[in-house]
C-alpha atoms as a PDB file:
ATOM      1  CA  UNK A   1       0.353   0.230  -0.452  1.00  0.00           C
ATOM      2  CA  UNK A   2       1.145   3.064  -0.658  1.00  0.00           C
ATOM      3  CA  UNK A   3       1.941   6.177   2.025  1.00  0.00           C
ATOM      4  CA  UNK A   4      -0.705   8.245   0.349  1.00  0.00           C
ATOM      5  CA  UNK A   5      -3.192   5.366   0.817  1.00  0.00           C
ATOM      6  CA  UNK A   6      -2.158   4.710   3.926  1.00  0.00           C
ATOM      7  CA  UNK A   7      -2.296   7.986   5.169  1.00  0.00           C
ATOM      8  CA  UNK A   8      -5.859   8.469   4.429  1.00  0.00           C
ATOM      9  CA  UNK A   9      -6.636   5.155   5.593  1.00  0.00           C
ATOM     10  CA  UNK A  10      -4.682   6.176   9.272  1.00  0.00           C
ATOM     11  CA  UNK A  11      -6.513   9.253   9.154  1.00  0.00           C
ATOM     12  CA  UNK A  12     -10.097   7.976   8.611  1.00  0.00           C
ATOM     13  CA  UNK A  13      -9.660   5.206  11.066  1.00  0.00           C
ATOM     14  CA  UNK A  14      -8.258   8.137  13.421  1.00  0.00           C
ATOM     15  CA  UNK A  15     -11.530   9.738  12.437  1.00  0.00           C
ATOM     16  CA  UNK A  16     -13.989   7.015  13.258  1.00  0.00           C
ATOM     17  CA  UNK A  17     -12.574   6.332  16.646  1.00  0.00           C
ATOM     18  CA  UNK A  18     -12.941  10.245  17.704  1.00  0.00           C
ATOM     19  CA  UNK A  19     -16.394  10.467  15.924  1.00  0.00           C
ATOM     20  CA  UNK A  20     -17.426   7.235  17.599  1.00  0.00           C
ATOM     21  CA  UNK A  21     -19.404   6.692  13.493  1.00  0.00           C
ATOM     22  CA  UNK A  22     -18.080   6.443   9.713  1.00  0.00           C
ATOM     23  CA  UNK A  23     -16.216   9.741   8.994  1.00  0.00           C
ATOM     24  CA  UNK A  24     -17.690  11.340   5.908  1.00  0.00           C
ATOM     25  CA  UNK A  25     -14.999  12.208   3.227  1.00  0.00           C
ATOM     26  CA  UNK A  26     -15.104  15.747   4.069  1.00  0.00           C
ATOM     27  CA  UNK A  27     -14.056  14.915   7.415  1.00  0.00           C
ATOM     28  CA  UNK A  28     -11.448  13.187   6.745  1.00  0.00           C
ATOM     29  CA  UNK A  29     -10.145  15.873   3.946  1.00  0.00           C
ATOM     30  CA  UNK A  30     -10.065  18.641   6.351  1.00  0.00           C
ATOM     31  CA  UNK A  31      -7.755  16.197   8.517  1.00  0.00           C
ATOM     32  CA  UNK A  32      -4.932  14.477   5.112  1.00  0.00           C
ATOM     33  CA  UNK A  33      -5.168  17.920   4.150  1.00  0.00           C
ATOM     34  CA  UNK A  34      -7.000  16.671   0.594  1.00  0.00           C
ATOM     35  CA  UNK A  35     -10.366  17.283  -1.023  1.00  0.00           C
ATOM     36  CA  UNK A  36     -13.122  15.222  -0.542  1.00  0.00           C
ATOM     37  CA  UNK A  37     -13.419  13.754  -4.123  1.00  0.00           C
ATOM     38  CA  UNK A  38      -9.425  12.752  -3.653  1.00  0.00           C
ATOM     39  CA  UNK A  39     -10.848  11.177  -0.188  1.00  0.00           C
ATOM     40  CA  UNK A  40     -13.323   9.296  -2.032  1.00  0.00           C
ATOM     41  CA  UNK A  41     -11.269   8.117  -4.906  1.00  0.00           C
ATOM     42  CA  UNK A  42      -8.208   6.320  -1.878  1.00  0.00           C
ATOM     43  CA  UNK A  43     -11.711   4.968  -0.440  1.00  0.00           C
ATOM     44  CA  UNK A  44     -12.904   3.204  -3.749  1.00  0.00           C
ATOM     45  CA  UNK A  45      -9.016   2.105  -3.657  1.00  0.00           C
ATOM     46  CA  UNK A  46      -9.229   0.846  -0.082  1.00  0.00           C
ATOM     47  CA  UNK A  47     -12.121  -1.217  -0.795  1.00  0.00           C
ATOM     48  CA  UNK A  48     -10.860  -2.728  -3.606  1.00  0.00           C
ATOM     49  CA  UNK A  49      -8.090  -4.277  -1.499  1.00  0.00           C
ATOM     50  CA  UNK A  50     -10.204  -4.804   1.141  1.00  0.00           C
ATOM     51  CA  UNK A  51      -9.288  -2.479   3.508  1.00  0.00           C
ATOM     52  CA  UNK A  52     -12.478  -1.033   3.902  1.00  0.00           C
ATOM     53  CA  UNK A  53     -15.920  -1.747   2.281  1.00  0.00           C
ATOM     54  CA  UNK A  54     -18.044   1.045   1.244  1.00  0.00           C
ATOM     55  CA  UNK A  55     -22.320   0.933   0.704  1.00  0.00           C
ATOM     56  CA  UNK A  56     -22.969  -0.137  -3.023  1.00  0.00           C
ATOM     57  CA  UNK A  57     -23.122   2.460  -5.046  1.00  0.00           C
ATOM     58  CA  UNK A  58     -21.928   5.574  -3.157  1.00  0.00           C
ATOM     59  CA  UNK A  59     -18.554   6.649  -0.981  1.00  0.00           C
ATOM     60  CA  UNK A  60     -20.102   6.290   2.245  1.00  0.00           C
ATOM     61  CA  UNK A  61     -18.431   3.416   4.535  1.00  0.00           C
ATOM     62  CA  UNK A  62     -20.073   0.608   5.429  1.00  0.00           C
ATOM     63  CA  UNK A  63     -17.150  -1.410   7.629  1.00  0.00           C
ATOM     64  CA  UNK A  64     -14.122  -0.024   8.653  1.00  0.00           C
ATOM     65  CA  UNK A  65     -13.231  -3.271  10.273  1.00  0.00           C
ATOM     66  CA  UNK A  66     -13.151  -4.138  12.918  1.00  0.00           C
ATOM     67  CA  UNK A  67     -15.778  -0.489  12.935  1.00  0.00           C
ATOM     68  CA  UNK A  68     -19.389  -1.067  11.531  1.00  0.00           C
ATOM     69  CA  UNK A  69     -20.665   2.261   9.694  1.00  0.00           C
ATOM     70  CA  UNK A  70     -24.353   0.407  10.422  1.00  0.00           C
ATOM     71  CA  UNK A  71     -26.222  -0.683  13.591  1.00  0.00           C
ATOM     72  CA  UNK A  72     -26.011  -4.350  13.508  1.00  0.00           C
ATOM     73  CA  UNK A  73     -26.399  -6.858  15.574  1.00  0.00           C
ATOM     74  CA  UNK A  74     -22.971  -6.272  17.780  1.00  0.00           C
ATOM     75  CA  UNK A  75     -22.883  -3.732  19.991  1.00  0.00           C
ATOM     76  CA  UNK A  76     -19.932  -3.191  22.103  1.00  0.00           C
ATOM     77  CA  UNK A  77     -19.467  -0.524  25.544  1.00  0.00           C
ATOM     78  CA  UNK A  78     -15.639   0.197  25.078  1.00  0.00           C
ATOM     79  CA  UNK A  79     -13.589   3.565  25.686  1.00  0.00           C
ATOM     80  CA  UNK A  80     -16.377   5.613  26.794  1.00  0.00           C
ATOM     81  CA  UNK A  81     -19.022   5.138  24.432  1.00  0.00           C
ATOM     82  CA  UNK A  82     -20.698   2.108  22.328  1.00  0.00           C
ATOM     83  CA  UNK A  83     -19.903   0.754  19.079  1.00  0.00           C
ATOM     84  CA  UNK A  84     -21.223  -1.729  16.585  1.00  0.00           C
ATOM     85  CA  UNK A  85     -19.241  -4.280  15.121  1.00  0.00           C
ATOM     86  CA  UNK A  86     -19.546  -6.446  11.880  1.00  0.00           C
ATOM     87  CA  UNK A  87     -19.742  -9.948  13.263  1.00  0.00           C
ATOM     88  CA  UNK A  88     -18.443 -11.660  16.593  1.00  0.00           C
ATOM     89  CA  UNK A  89     -14.889 -11.853  15.745  1.00  0.00           C
ATOM     90  CA  UNK A  90     -15.125  -7.667  14.779  1.00  0.00           C
ATOM     91  CA  UNK A  91     -16.976  -7.201  18.243  1.00  0.00           C
ATOM     92  CA  UNK A  92     -13.906  -8.358  20.276  1.00  0.00           C
ATOM     93  CA  UNK A  93     -11.807  -6.491  17.810  1.00  0.00           C
ATOM     94  CA  UNK A  94     -12.929  -3.304  18.802  1.00  0.00           C
ATOM     95  CA  UNK A  95     -12.030  -4.028  22.305  1.00  0.00           C
ATOM     96  CA  UNK A  96      -8.620  -5.234  21.323  1.00  0.00           C
ATOM     97  CA  UNK A  97      -8.067  -1.772  18.622  1.00  0.00           C
ATOM     98  CA  UNK A  98      -8.963   0.473  21.103  1.00  0.00           C
ATOM     99  CA  UNK A  99      -7.258  -1.238  23.997  1.00  0.00           C
ATOM    100  CA  UNK A 100      -9.792  -1.231  26.408  1.00  0.00           C
ATOM    101  CA  UNK A 101     -11.910  -3.276  28.466  1.00  0.00           C
ATOM    102  CA  UNK A 102     -15.086  -3.536  27.058  1.00  0.00           C
ATOM    103  CA  UNK A 103     -19.014  -5.489  26.828  1.00  0.00           C
ATOM    104  CA  UNK A 104     -20.286  -7.343  23.805  1.00  0.00           C
ATOM    105  CA  UNK A 105     -24.082  -8.077  23.754  1.00  0.00           C
ATOM    106  CA  UNK A 106     -25.356  -9.948  20.775  1.00  0.00           C
ATOM    107  CA  UNK A 107     -27.676 -12.838  20.820  1.00  0.00           C
ATOM    108  CA  UNK A 108     -27.807 -16.578  19.137  1.00  0.00           C
ATOM    109  CA  UNK A 109     -27.753 -16.485  15.754  1.00  0.00           C
ATOM    110  CA  UNK A 110     -29.006 -20.193  16.283  1.00  0.00           C
ATOM    111  CA  UNK A 111     -32.006 -19.650  19.283  1.00  0.00           C
ATOM    112  CA  UNK A 112     -31.930 -15.569  19.744  1.00  0.00           C
ATOM    113  CA  UNK A 113     -31.016 -16.408  23.245  1.00  0.00           C
ATOM    114  CA  UNK A 114     -28.984 -13.172  24.574  1.00  0.00           C
ATOM    115  CA  UNK A 115     -25.633 -12.571  25.179  1.00  0.00           C
ATOM    116  CA  UNK A 116     -23.518 -10.510  27.153  1.00  0.00           C
ATOM    117  CA  UNK A 117     -19.799 -10.602  28.466  1.00  0.00           C
ATOM    118  CA  UNK A 118     -17.301  -8.413  29.640  1.00  0.00           C
ATOM    119  CA  UNK A 119     -13.770  -8.432  27.929  1.00  0.00           C
ATOM    120  CA  UNK A 120     -10.668  -7.958  30.429  1.00  0.00           C
ATOM    121  CA  UNK A 121      -7.320  -7.757  29.712  1.00  0.00           C
ATOM    122  CA  UNK A 122      -7.461  -8.944  26.197  1.00  0.00           C
ATOM    123  CA  UNK A 123     -10.032 -12.397  27.477  1.00  0.00           C
ATOM    124  CA  UNK A 124     -13.444 -12.611  27.135  1.00  0.00           C
ATOM    125  CA  UNK A 125     -14.505 -13.771  30.874  1.00  0.00           C
ATOM    126  CA  UNK A 126     -16.963 -16.247  29.423  1.00  0.00           C
ATOM    127  CA  UNK A 127     -14.465 -18.566  28.011  1.00  0.00           C
ATOM    128  CA  UNK A 128     -17.415 -21.111  27.004  1.00  0.00           C
ATOM    129  CA  UNK A 129     -18.012 -19.017  24.383  1.00  0.00           C
ATOM    130  CA  UNK A 130     -17.604 -20.569  21.048  1.00  0.00           C
ATOM    131  CA  UNK A 131     -16.828 -18.176  17.286  1.00  0.00           C
ATOM    132  CA  UNK A 132     -18.107 -19.957  14.410  1.00  0.00           C
ATOM    133  CA  UNK A 133     -17.926 -19.123  10.640  1.00  0.00           C
ATOM    134  CA  UNK A 134     -20.384 -20.441   8.330  1.00  0.00           C
ATOM    135  CA  UNK A 135     -18.103 -19.927   5.155  1.00  0.00           C
ATOM    136  CA  UNK A 136     -14.475 -20.539   4.802  1.00  0.00           C
ATOM    137  CA  UNK A 137     -12.058 -17.592   5.044  1.00  0.00           C
ATOM    138  CA  UNK A 138     -11.283 -17.615   1.261  1.00  0.00           C
ATOM    139  CA  UNK A 139     -14.419 -16.828   0.440  1.00  0.00           C
ATOM    140  CA  UNK A 140     -15.216 -14.068   3.170  1.00  0.00           C
ATOM    141  CA  UNK A 141     -14.760 -11.790   0.834  1.00  0.00           C
ATOM    142  CA  UNK A 142     -17.438 -13.128  -1.797  1.00  0.00           C
ATOM    143  CA  UNK A 143     -20.270 -11.443  -0.313  1.00  0.00           C
ATOM    144  CA  UNK A 144     -18.200  -9.568   3.068  1.00  0.00           C
ATOM    145  CA  UNK A 145     -21.196  -8.166   4.277  1.00  0.00           C
ATOM    146  CA  UNK A 146     -23.422 -11.422   4.798  1.00  0.00           C
ATOM    147  CA  UNK A 147     -19.878 -13.226   5.865  1.00  0.00           C
END
């Protein structure tokens, strides 16, 4: 990844954490000393490289893994605010990315039972929990939103 792409990616992630939501291209442009159109072009390139995910047909961020730009079933309380993860793995990743303890709330995709647990010192407090992927990793990017 070239230095320009990496710079915009890093500014985008910093803005996501500071704002607590997906930033707009204009918000990133100001911090990266670029135009909104330049940021959108970089985001499209980062999307093609699987470094973030844009909403279909737009230049709005859907995923900046582990963070979700839309509400999901994986809510995370960490670093003083609530976040959404794209999946169970990303929910854990939010605590890791923020270097913060946290609380994760979701439900069992099979039976619907509520699941909530704390993450302390980089570990879930309930070690009975399992993370299961329905698709092999080689196929995640076939449809990353579904995965």
